[in-house]
Amino acid sequence: MKFKTRKRKRREATEEAKAKENKLASKSDQVTEQTEPKQKTEYKKKPIKEEKPVTKINLPPKRKPKPISDK
């Protein structure tokens, strides 16, 4: 039983990839059919939200400054 070394694994992987490319290239040479143009996908447009009138925010009452007493 041979142990697969990194070099052998890499070589086998590249050979397989080249074989696949050659197959695809030969198929593309044989098949010269025109593919249908892609249809544009239509997206649903979101309805524009109506702006609500600005409501007054209830803030806590402001503190009144203490009067300075003269002594």
N, C-alpha and C. Protein backbone atom coordinates (compact mmCIF):
# COMPACT_ATOMS: atom_id res chain seq x y z
N MET A 1 0.85 -1.18 0.00
CA MET A 1 0.00 0.00 0.00
C MET A 1 0.89 1.24 0.00
N LYS A 2 0.65 2.13 -0.98
CA LYS A 2 1.44 3.35 -1.06
C LYS A 2 0.77 4.42 -0.23
N PHE A 3 1.61 5.16 0.48
CA PHE A 3 1.08 6.29 1.22
C PHE A 3 1.04 7.48 0.28
N LYS A 4 -0.06 8.20 0.32
CA LYS A 4 -0.18 9.36 -0.56
C LYS A 4 0.59 10.52 0.06
N THR A 5 1.55 11.00 -0.68
CA THR A 5 2.30 12.15 -0.21
C THR A 5 1.60 13.41 -0.69
N ARG A 6 2.03 14.52 -0.16
CA ARG A 6 1.42 15.79 -0.55
C ARG A 6 1.62 16.06 -2.04
N LYS A 7 2.84 15.78 -2.52
CA LYS A 7 3.12 16.02 -3.93
C LYS A 7 2.22 15.16 -4.81
N ARG A 8 2.06 13.89 -4.45
CA ARG A 8 1.25 12.98 -5.25
C ARG A 8 -0.21 13.43 -5.22
N LYS A 9 -0.71 13.83 -4.03
CA LYS A 9 -2.09 14.29 -3.92
C LYS A 9 -2.31 15.51 -4.80
N ARG A 10 -1.36 16.46 -4.72
CA ARG A 10 -1.49 17.68 -5.49
C ARG A 10 -1.46 17.37 -6.99
N ARG A 11 -0.55 16.49 -7.40
CA ARG A 11 -0.43 16.12 -8.81
C ARG A 11 -1.72 15.48 -9.30
N GLU A 12 -2.29 14.57 -8.50
CA GLU A 12 -3.53 13.91 -8.90
C GLU A 12 -4.68 14.92 -9.00
N ALA A 13 -4.72 15.85 -8.06
CA ALA A 13 -5.79 16.84 -8.07
C ALA A 13 -5.67 17.73 -9.31
N THR A 14 -4.45 18.13 -9.66
CA THR A 14 -4.29 18.98 -10.84
C THR A 14 -4.62 18.21 -12.11
N GLU A 15 -4.25 16.94 -12.15
CA GLU A 15 -4.57 16.13 -13.33
C GLU A 15 -6.08 15.99 -13.50
N GLU A 16 -6.79 15.78 -12.39
CA GLU A 16 -8.25 15.66 -12.46
C GLU A 16 -8.87 16.98 -12.92
N ALA A 17 -8.35 18.09 -12.40
CA ALA A 17 -8.89 19.39 -12.78
C ALA A 17 -8.66 19.65 -14.27
N LYS A 18 -7.47 19.29 -14.76
CA LYS A 18 -7.18 19.48 -16.19
C LYS A 18 -8.09 18.61 -17.04
N ALA A 19 -8.34 17.38 -16.59
CA ALA A 19 -9.22 16.48 -17.33
C ALA A 19 -10.63 17.05 -17.40
N LYS A 20 -11.12 17.59 -16.29
CA LYS A 20 -12.46 18.19 -16.27
C LYS A 20 -12.52 19.38 -17.22
N GLU A 21 -11.47 20.22 -17.21
CA GLU A 21 -11.45 21.39 -18.09
C GLU A 21 -11.48 20.95 -19.55
N ASN A 22 -10.72 19.91 -19.87
CA ASN A 22 -10.69 19.42 -21.25
C ASN A 22 -12.06 18.88 -21.67
N LYS A 23 -12.74 18.17 -20.75
CA LYS A 23 -14.07 17.66 -21.05
C LYS A 23 -15.04 18.80 -21.30
N LEU A 24 -14.98 19.82 -20.42
CA LEU A 24 -15.88 20.96 -20.58
C LEU A 24 -15.58 21.70 -21.88
N ALA A 25 -14.30 21.83 -22.21
CA ALA A 25 -13.92 22.53 -23.43
C ALA A 25 -14.43 21.77 -24.65
N SER A 26 -14.29 20.44 -24.64
CA SER A 26 -14.74 19.65 -25.78
C SER A 26 -16.27 19.70 -25.90
N LYS A 27 -16.96 19.72 -24.76
CA LYS A 27 -18.42 19.81 -24.79
C LYS A 27 -18.86 21.17 -25.33
N SER A 28 -18.16 22.24 -24.91
CA SER A 28 -18.55 23.57 -25.37
C SER A 28 -18.28 23.73 -26.86
N ASP A 29 -17.28 23.03 -27.39
CA ASP A 29 -17.03 23.07 -28.82
C ASP A 29 -18.15 22.36 -29.58
N GLN A 30 -18.63 21.26 -29.02
CA GLN A 30 -19.68 20.49 -29.68
C GLN A 30 -21.01 21.23 -29.63
N VAL A 31 -21.33 21.78 -28.48
CA VAL A 31 -22.62 22.43 -28.29
C VAL A 31 -22.47 23.92 -28.59
N THR A 32 -23.15 24.37 -29.63
CA THR A 32 -23.10 25.79 -29.98
C THR A 32 -24.50 26.37 -29.96
N GLU A 33 -25.32 25.89 -29.03
CA GLU A 33 -26.68 26.39 -28.91
C GLU A 33 -26.66 27.72 -28.17
N GLN A 34 -27.58 28.58 -28.58
CA GLN A 34 -27.68 29.85 -27.88
C GLN A 34 -28.59 29.67 -26.69
N THR A 35 -28.13 30.15 -25.58
CA THR A 35 -28.96 30.05 -24.38
C THR A 35 -29.91 31.23 -24.36
N GLU A 36 -31.04 31.05 -23.72
CA GLU A 36 -32.03 32.11 -23.64
C GLU A 36 -31.49 33.24 -22.78
N PRO A 37 -31.76 34.49 -23.17
CA PRO A 37 -31.29 35.60 -22.33
C PRO A 37 -31.99 35.56 -20.97
N LYS A 38 -31.24 35.90 -19.97
CA LYS A 38 -31.80 35.85 -18.61
C LYS A 38 -32.88 36.90 -18.46
N GLN A 39 -33.95 36.50 -17.82
CA GLN A 39 -35.03 37.44 -17.58
C GLN A 39 -34.72 38.23 -16.32
N LYS A 40 -35.04 39.50 -16.38
CA LYS A 40 -34.82 40.32 -15.19
C LYS A 40 -35.85 39.95 -14.14
N THR A 41 -35.37 39.79 -12.94
CA THR A 41 -36.30 39.47 -11.86
C THR A 41 -36.95 40.75 -11.38
N GLU A 42 -38.25 40.68 -11.25
CA GLU A 42 -38.98 41.85 -10.80
C GLU A 42 -39.20 41.75 -9.30
N TYR A 43 -38.76 42.78 -8.62
CA TYR A 43 -38.91 42.82 -7.17
C TYR A 43 -40.14 43.62 -6.81
N LYS A 44 -40.79 43.20 -5.74
CA LYS A 44 -41.96 43.94 -5.28
C LYS A 44 -41.48 45.25 -4.66
N LYS A 45 -42.13 46.33 -5.07
CA LYS A 45 -41.77 47.62 -4.51
C LYS A 45 -42.51 47.80 -3.20
N LYS A 46 -41.77 48.24 -2.20
CA LYS A 46 -42.40 48.47 -0.90
C LYS A 46 -43.26 49.72 -0.98
N PRO A 47 -44.45 49.68 -0.38
CA PRO A 47 -45.29 50.87 -0.41
C PRO A 47 -44.66 51.98 0.44
N ILE A 48 -44.81 53.20 -0.04
CA ILE A 48 -44.24 54.33 0.68
C ILE A 48 -45.09 54.58 1.92
N LYS A 49 -44.42 54.62 3.06
CA LYS A 49 -45.14 54.84 4.31
C LYS A 49 -45.50 56.32 4.43
N GLU A 50 -46.72 56.55 4.85
CA GLU A 50 -47.15 57.93 5.06
C GLU A 50 -46.51 58.46 6.33
N GLU A 51 -46.01 59.69 6.23
CA GLU A 51 -45.35 60.27 7.40
C GLU A 51 -46.41 60.70 8.40
N LYS A 52 -46.25 60.25 9.63
CA LYS A 52 -47.18 60.62 10.68
C LYS A 52 -46.78 62.00 11.21
N PRO A 53 -47.76 62.80 11.64
CA PRO A 53 -47.41 64.10 12.21
C PRO A 53 -46.62 63.91 13.51
N VAL A 54 -45.67 64.80 13.72
CA VAL A 54 -44.80 64.68 14.89
C VAL A 54 -45.62 64.98 16.14
N THR A 55 -45.58 64.06 17.09
CA THR A 55 -46.31 64.28 18.33
C THR A 55 -45.35 64.86 19.36
N LYS A 56 -45.92 65.61 20.27
CA LYS A 56 -45.10 66.23 21.31
C LYS A 56 -44.68 65.17 22.32
N ILE A 57 -43.42 65.16 22.64
CA ILE A 57 -42.92 64.19 23.61
C ILE A 57 -43.04 64.81 25.00
N ASN A 58 -43.60 64.05 25.91
CA ASN A 58 -43.75 64.55 27.27
C ASN A 58 -42.42 64.44 28.01
N LEU A 59 -41.80 65.58 28.25
CA LEU A 59 -40.54 65.61 28.98
C LEU A 59 -40.84 65.96 30.43
N PRO A 60 -39.99 65.52 31.34
CA PRO A 60 -40.20 65.91 32.74
C PRO A 60 -40.04 67.42 32.88
N PRO A 61 -40.73 68.02 33.85
CA PRO A 61 -40.65 69.48 34.00
C PRO A 61 -39.23 69.93 34.33
N LYS A 62 -38.86 71.08 33.77
CA LYS A 62 -37.51 71.59 34.01
C LYS A 62 -37.43 72.14 35.43
N ARG A 63 -36.26 71.99 36.04
CA ARG A 63 -36.07 72.51 37.40
C ARG A 63 -35.84 74.01 37.33
N LYS A 64 -36.50 74.71 38.24
CA LYS A 64 -36.32 76.16 38.30
C LYS A 64 -35.06 76.45 39.10
N PRO A 65 -34.26 77.41 38.67
CA PRO A 65 -33.05 77.72 39.44
C PRO A 65 -33.42 78.35 40.78
N LYS A 66 -32.68 77.97 41.81
CA LYS A 66 -32.95 78.51 43.15
C LYS A 66 -32.49 79.97 43.20
N PRO A 67 -33.30 80.82 43.81
CA PRO A 67 -32.88 82.22 43.90
C PRO A 67 -31.68 82.37 44.85
N ILE A 68 -30.79 83.27 44.48
CA ILE A 68 -29.60 83.48 45.31
C ILE A 68 -30.00 84.42 46.45
N SER A 69 -29.82 83.93 47.66
CA SER A 69 -30.18 84.76 48.82
C SER A 69 -28.97 85.56 49.27
N ASP A 70 -29.16 86.88 49.48
CA ASP A 70 -28.06 87.74 49.94
C ASP A 70 -28.04 87.76 51.46
N LYS A 71 -26.88 87.54 52.03
CA LYS A 71 -26.74 87.58 53.49
C LYS A 71 -25.70 88.57 53.88
